[in-house]
Amino acid sequence: MTKGLTVAARVVVLGAFLGSAVPAWTQDLSRAARFQGGDTAQRLAILDQFKLPKPGTFDGQELSTVLTAALRDPDATVRLNGCYVLHARAMRLLSETAIRQGAVPATHVDEQRVMTSLRPALAGLLSDDAPTVRAACVSPIAILGREGAAGPQQRLDHATATLLAQRYTVESDGVVRRAIIHALARGRADVAIVRPVLVDAVRDTTGQARQMAIVGVGEYRLVEALPAIVTALDDPDRAIRLEAARAVGALGQDARSHTGTIVRRLGEETDAVVRLELERTLKALQNAR
């Protein structure tokens, strides 16, 4: 009955014959093999199985085999979904490590090693032909490129911040630039690395990239970008005006000379949320010392 079958297949047949559950290790073995030999739909279905289970669920070798193959897949959709899976698993690992105050559970060590080993492959996707893949790889690169104890004080390490900053300068797609600026603006990176990029990005031709750059100017207190931020108070996009008002308020005393501009904008602004932020900014400038 089982002549000519692989060991894993024989276990499946025997389990079915005996009415017992198929051992987990048999499923794991076949999953990696099926991914490498399956068509696009099968590879995507297998990838989807890796997205939600908690860290430590999968054998490290299986996880490494499938995700490495996914990031190098000839099909852009598979590469894209490989980035999504990496993002989901890296976020879950980061969250559970933070809950344990920076201690990586023993069951998660293998997965953390796999995640770290995939960083070069992710970095390579920043030059992918598909803009969607380039944009999707930025977030997992930023998550895996953090240093320090898990929590809000974590920051992008020097290599990751430099990699993303350099990519921004040559990136042609606005969505990808927005993803990069978001990672740098929120990443608490070395200000010497992010300063020139954020100051330049305040004038980005893509509105969402410009918006995130303005957020970063406020986060890092980049006074040299103040003239461009003040100009952005008149931007047609209300989201950009909102962030510009917040950034001016964050710059405090350095922005006091622009109090008159804030007063003018209060008289002209029709959006209630932006008006509220302008009022807060005006109060912050008046109280700045």
Protein backbone atom coordinates (compact mmCIF):
# COMPACT_ATOMS: atom_id res chain seq x y z
CA MET A 1 0.00 0.00 0.00
CA THR A 2 2.73 2.47 0.90
CA LYS A 3 5.41 1.19 -1.47
CA GLY A 4 7.17 4.04 -3.31
CA LEU A 5 5.93 6.76 -0.96
CA THR A 6 8.16 9.11 0.98
CA VAL A 7 8.46 8.72 4.74
CA ALA A 8 6.25 11.77 5.33
CA ALA A 9 3.61 10.49 2.91
CA ARG A 10 3.60 7.07 4.60
CA VAL A 11 2.90 8.71 7.94
CA VAL A 12 -0.03 10.59 6.41
CA VAL A 13 -1.46 7.40 4.93
CA LEU A 14 -0.93 5.47 8.15
CA GLY A 15 -2.51 8.27 10.20
CA ALA A 16 -5.56 8.30 7.95
CA PHE A 17 -5.82 4.51 8.08
CA LEU A 18 -5.69 4.51 11.88
CA GLY A 19 -8.02 7.49 12.18
CA SER A 20 -5.40 9.51 14.05
CA ALA A 21 -4.27 13.09 13.53
CA VAL A 22 -1.35 13.66 11.18
CA PRO A 23 1.71 14.61 13.25
CA ALA A 24 2.59 18.32 13.16
CA TRP A 25 6.13 17.64 11.98
CA THR A 26 4.72 15.90 8.88
CA GLN A 27 2.63 18.97 8.05
CA ASP A 28 5.68 21.21 8.57
CA LEU A 29 7.86 19.08 6.30
CA SER A 30 5.30 19.06 3.51
CA ARG A 31 4.52 22.78 3.83
CA ALA A 32 8.05 23.93 2.91
CA ALA A 33 8.24 21.32 0.13
CA ARG A 34 4.83 22.30 -1.24
CA PHE A 35 5.82 25.97 -1.30
CA GLN A 36 8.94 25.30 -3.34
CA GLY A 37 7.09 23.06 -5.78
CA GLY A 38 3.72 24.76 -5.97
CA ASP A 39 2.22 27.25 -8.39
CA THR A 40 1.61 30.90 -7.49
CA ALA A 41 -1.79 30.28 -5.90
CA GLN A 42 -0.39 27.45 -3.77
CA ARG A 43 2.61 29.54 -2.67
CA LEU A 44 0.33 32.41 -1.66
CA ALA A 45 -1.94 30.05 0.28
CA ILE A 46 1.01 28.56 2.17
CA LEU A 47 2.40 32.03 2.93
CA ASP A 48 -0.96 32.99 4.39
CA GLN A 49 -0.64 30.19 6.95
CA PHE A 50 2.44 31.92 8.39
CA LYS A 51 0.86 35.33 8.89
CA LEU A 52 -1.07 35.03 12.14
CA PRO A 53 0.22 32.21 14.40
CA LYS A 54 2.24 33.47 17.36
CA PRO A 55 6.07 33.36 17.41
CA GLY A 56 7.49 29.96 18.23
CA THR A 57 4.72 28.12 16.35
CA PHE A 58 6.91 27.08 13.44
CA ASP A 59 10.23 25.30 13.22
CA GLY A 60 12.97 27.83 12.42
CA GLN A 61 14.25 25.94 9.40
CA GLU A 62 10.78 25.70 7.89
CA LEU A 63 10.12 29.39 8.48
CA SER A 64 13.49 30.36 7.02
CA THR A 65 13.05 28.15 3.95
CA VAL A 66 9.59 29.48 3.08
CA LEU A 67 10.25 33.17 3.75
CA THR A 68 13.64 33.17 1.99
CA ALA A 69 12.05 31.58 -1.07
CA ALA A 70 9.14 34.04 -0.94
CA LEU A 71 11.40 37.11 -0.91
CA ARG A 72 13.29 35.75 -3.93
CA ASP A 73 10.21 34.51 -5.80
CA PRO A 74 9.95 35.44 -9.51
CA ASP A 75 6.33 36.52 -8.96
CA ALA A 76 6.00 40.03 -7.51
CA THR A 77 2.74 39.11 -5.76
CA VAL A 78 4.52 36.39 -3.80
CA ARG A 79 7.39 38.74 -2.91
CA LEU A 80 4.83 41.31 -1.79
CA ASN A 81 3.02 38.82 0.42
CA GLY A 82 6.34 37.62 1.81
CA CYS A 83 6.92 41.20 3.01
CA TYR A 84 3.44 41.28 4.54
CA VAL A 85 4.08 38.04 6.43
CA LEU A 86 7.44 39.30 7.67
CA HIS A 87 5.84 42.53 8.84
CA ALA A 88 3.10 40.68 10.72
CA ARG A 89 5.48 38.22 12.38
CA ALA A 90 8.08 40.87 13.23
CA MET A 91 5.39 43.05 14.84
CA ARG A 92 4.08 40.10 16.85
CA LEU A 93 7.59 39.20 18.00
CA LEU A 94 8.32 42.84 18.91
CA SER A 95 5.05 43.11 20.85
CA GLU A 96 5.54 39.92 22.85
CA THR A 97 9.14 40.87 23.64
CA ALA A 98 8.00 44.30 24.85
CA ILE A 99 5.34 42.72 27.07
CA ARG A 100 8.12 40.71 28.70
CA GLN A 101 10.16 43.91 29.20
CA GLY A 102 12.75 43.09 26.56
CA ALA A 103 13.28 39.43 27.42
CA VAL A 104 12.94 37.19 24.37
CA PRO A 105 11.04 34.01 25.36
CA ALA A 106 13.02 30.81 24.79
CA THR A 107 10.37 29.63 22.31
CA HIS A 108 10.89 32.79 20.24
CA VAL A 109 14.70 32.80 20.02
CA ASP A 110 14.75 30.63 16.89
CA GLU A 111 12.26 32.88 15.13
CA GLN A 112 14.18 36.01 16.08
CA ARG A 113 17.30 34.46 14.56
CA VAL A 114 15.39 33.72 11.34
CA MET A 115 14.01 37.27 11.20
CA THR A 116 17.51 38.72 11.62
CA SER A 117 18.93 36.45 8.91
CA LEU A 118 16.35 37.77 6.42
CA ARG A 119 17.41 41.42 6.75
CA PRO A 120 19.82 41.32 3.75
CA ALA A 121 17.11 39.83 1.52
CA LEU A 122 14.67 42.52 2.62
CA ALA A 123 17.24 45.24 1.96
CA GLY A 124 17.65 43.89 -1.56
CA LEU A 125 13.94 44.41 -2.20
CA LEU A 126 14.41 48.17 -1.89
CA SER A 127 15.67 47.90 -5.50
CA ASP A 128 12.85 45.60 -6.65
CA ASP A 129 11.30 46.33 -10.05
CA ALA A 130 7.81 46.46 -8.48
CA PRO A 131 7.05 49.67 -6.52
CA THR A 132 4.50 47.81 -4.40
CA VAL A 133 7.22 45.41 -3.22
CA ARG A 134 9.64 48.25 -2.53
CA ALA A 135 7.01 50.02 -0.43
CA ALA A 136 6.01 46.85 1.45
CA CYS A 137 9.56 45.93 2.45
CA VAL A 138 10.23 49.25 4.21
CA SER A 139 8.17 48.55 7.34
CA PRO A 140 9.70 45.13 8.16
CA ILE A 141 13.16 46.59 7.46
CA ALA A 142 12.44 49.32 10.01
CA ILE A 143 10.98 46.91 12.59
CA LEU A 144 13.91 44.50 12.36
CA GLY A 145 16.38 47.40 12.32
CA ARG A 146 15.59 48.60 15.83
CA GLU A 147 18.09 48.67 18.65
CA GLY A 148 17.79 49.02 22.41
CA ALA A 149 15.27 47.57 24.84
CA ALA A 150 11.87 46.77 23.37
CA GLY A 151 9.42 49.62 23.87
CA PRO A 152 8.80 53.24 22.83
CA GLN A 153 12.46 54.19 23.36
CA GLN A 154 13.69 51.84 20.65
CA ARG A 155 15.36 53.53 17.70
CA LEU A 156 16.50 52.64 14.21
CA ASP A 157 20.07 51.44 14.22
CA HIS A 158 22.66 53.38 12.24
CA ALA A 159 22.82 50.91 9.34
CA THR A 160 19.04 50.78 8.85
CA ALA A 161 18.58 54.55 9.03
CA THR A 162 21.41 55.06 6.55
CA LEU A 163 20.01 52.42 4.18
CA LEU A 164 16.56 54.05 4.12
CA ALA A 165 17.93 57.59 3.87
CA GLN A 166 20.09 56.65 0.89
CA ARG A 167 17.19 54.89 -0.82
CA TYR A 168 14.99 57.97 -0.50
CA THR A 169 17.43 60.05 -2.54
CA VAL A 170 17.10 57.77 -5.58
CA GLU A 171 13.50 56.54 -5.20
CA SER A 172 11.18 57.55 -8.05
CA ASP A 173 7.88 56.30 -6.63
CA GLY A 174 5.96 58.59 -4.28
CA VAL A 175 4.33 55.77 -2.30
CA VAL A 176 7.72 54.22 -1.58
CA ARG A 177 9.15 57.61 -0.58
CA ARG A 178 6.22 58.07 1.79
CA ALA A 179 6.91 54.69 3.41
CA ILE A 180 10.59 55.56 3.85
CA ILE A 181 9.86 58.98 5.34
CA HIS A 182 7.31 57.45 7.72
CA ALA A 183 9.94 54.98 8.97
CA LEU A 184 12.54 57.72 9.44
CA ALA A 185 10.12 60.23 10.99
CA ARG A 186 8.87 57.75 13.59
CA GLY A 187 12.09 55.80 14.05
CA ARG A 188 13.96 57.96 16.58
CA ALA A 189 17.07 57.59 14.42
CA ASP A 190 20.34 59.52 14.56
CA VAL A 191 19.35 63.08 13.69
CA ALA A 192 22.52 63.56 11.64
CA ILE A 193 21.28 60.86 9.25
CA VAL A 194 17.63 61.87 8.98
CA ARG A 195 18.04 65.67 9.02
CA PRO A 196 18.94 66.22 5.32
CA VAL A 197 16.34 63.72 4.15
CA LEU A 198 13.45 65.16 6.17
CA VAL A 199 14.32 68.76 5.31
CA ASP A 200 14.38 67.81 1.61
CA ALA A 201 11.20 65.73 1.86
CA VAL A 202 9.17 68.67 3.17
CA ARG A 203 9.10 69.74 -0.50
CA ASP A 204 8.37 66.26 -1.88
CA THR A 205 5.99 66.21 -4.83
CA THR A 206 3.90 63.49 -3.18
CA GLY A 207 1.52 64.88 -0.57
CA GLN A 208 1.71 61.94 1.84
CA ALA A 209 5.51 61.96 1.79
CA ARG A 210 5.45 65.70 2.43
CA GLN A 211 3.01 65.20 5.30
CA MET A 212 5.20 62.57 7.00
CA ALA A 213 8.29 64.74 6.53
CA ILE A 214 6.52 67.57 8.37
CA VAL A 215 5.73 65.14 11.19
CA GLY A 216 9.42 64.26 11.31
CA VAL A 217 10.45 67.93 11.43
CA GLY A 218 8.34 68.34 14.56
CA GLU A 219 9.61 65.09 16.10
CA TYR A 220 13.28 65.99 15.58
CA ARG A 221 12.85 69.76 16.09
CA LEU A 222 14.51 70.62 12.77
CA VAL A 223 14.51 74.40 12.87
CA GLU A 224 16.14 74.76 9.44
CA ALA A 225 12.92 73.41 7.87
CA LEU A 226 10.79 76.11 9.53
CA PRO A 227 10.37 78.34 6.42
CA ALA A 228 9.04 75.39 4.41
CA ILE A 229 6.76 74.36 7.30
CA VAL A 230 5.30 77.87 7.53
CA THR A 231 4.66 77.79 3.78
CA ALA A 232 2.87 74.44 4.25
CA LEU A 233 0.33 76.19 6.52
CA ASP A 234 -1.26 77.39 3.24
CA ASP A 235 -1.18 73.99 1.52
CA PRO A 236 -4.45 72.96 -0.22
CA ASP A 237 -4.29 69.59 1.60
CA ARG A 238 -5.87 69.96 5.05
CA ALA A 239 -3.83 66.99 6.41
CA ILE A 240 -0.62 68.83 5.50
CA ARG A 241 -1.89 72.08 7.04
CA LEU A 242 -2.75 70.17 10.22
CA GLU A 243 0.71 68.63 10.55
CA ALA A 244 2.36 71.95 9.68
CA ALA A 245 0.49 73.64 12.53
CA ARG A 246 1.61 70.91 14.93
CA ALA A 247 5.22 71.16 13.75
CA VAL A 248 5.30 74.94 14.22
CA GLY A 249 3.99 74.47 17.75
CA ALA A 250 6.60 71.78 18.45
CA LEU A 251 9.38 74.17 17.41
CA GLY A 252 8.24 76.54 20.15
CA GLN A 253 10.46 79.54 20.77
CA ASP A 254 12.29 79.10 17.47
CA ALA A 255 8.98 79.71 15.69
CA ARG A 256 7.77 82.72 17.71
CA SER A 257 8.62 85.12 14.89
CA HIS A 258 5.87 83.44 12.85
CA THR A 259 3.10 84.16 15.39
CA GLY A 260 1.57 86.65 12.97
CA THR A 261 1.29 83.96 10.30
CA ILE A 262 -0.57 81.69 12.74
CA VAL A 263 -2.98 84.52 13.56
CA ARG A 264 -3.55 85.13 9.84
CA ARG A 265 -4.19 81.45 9.18
CA LEU A 266 -6.69 81.33 12.05
CA GLY A 267 -8.66 84.05 10.29
CA GLU A 268 -8.63 82.15 7.00
CA GLU A 269 -8.84 78.47 8.00
CA THR A 270 -12.24 76.82 7.41
CA ASP A 271 -11.45 73.32 8.71
CA ALA A 272 -12.46 72.96 12.37
CA VAL A 273 -9.73 70.45 13.26
CA VAL A 274 -6.98 72.55 11.69
CA ARG A 275 -8.34 75.65 13.42
CA LEU A 276 -8.17 73.88 16.78
CA GLU A 277 -4.54 72.93 16.14
CA LEU A 278 -3.71 76.48 15.08
CA GLU A 279 -5.19 77.75 18.34
CA ARG A 280 -3.02 75.33 20.29
CA THR A 281 0.02 76.38 18.30
CA LEU A 282 -0.69 80.06 18.92
CA LYS A 283 -0.92 79.43 22.66
CA ALA A 284 2.32 77.42 22.57
CA LEU A 285 4.16 80.24 20.76
CA GLN A 286 2.80 82.88 23.12
CA ASN A 287 3.92 80.84 26.14
CA ALA A 288 7.30 79.82 24.68
CA ARG A 289 10.34 80.97 26.62
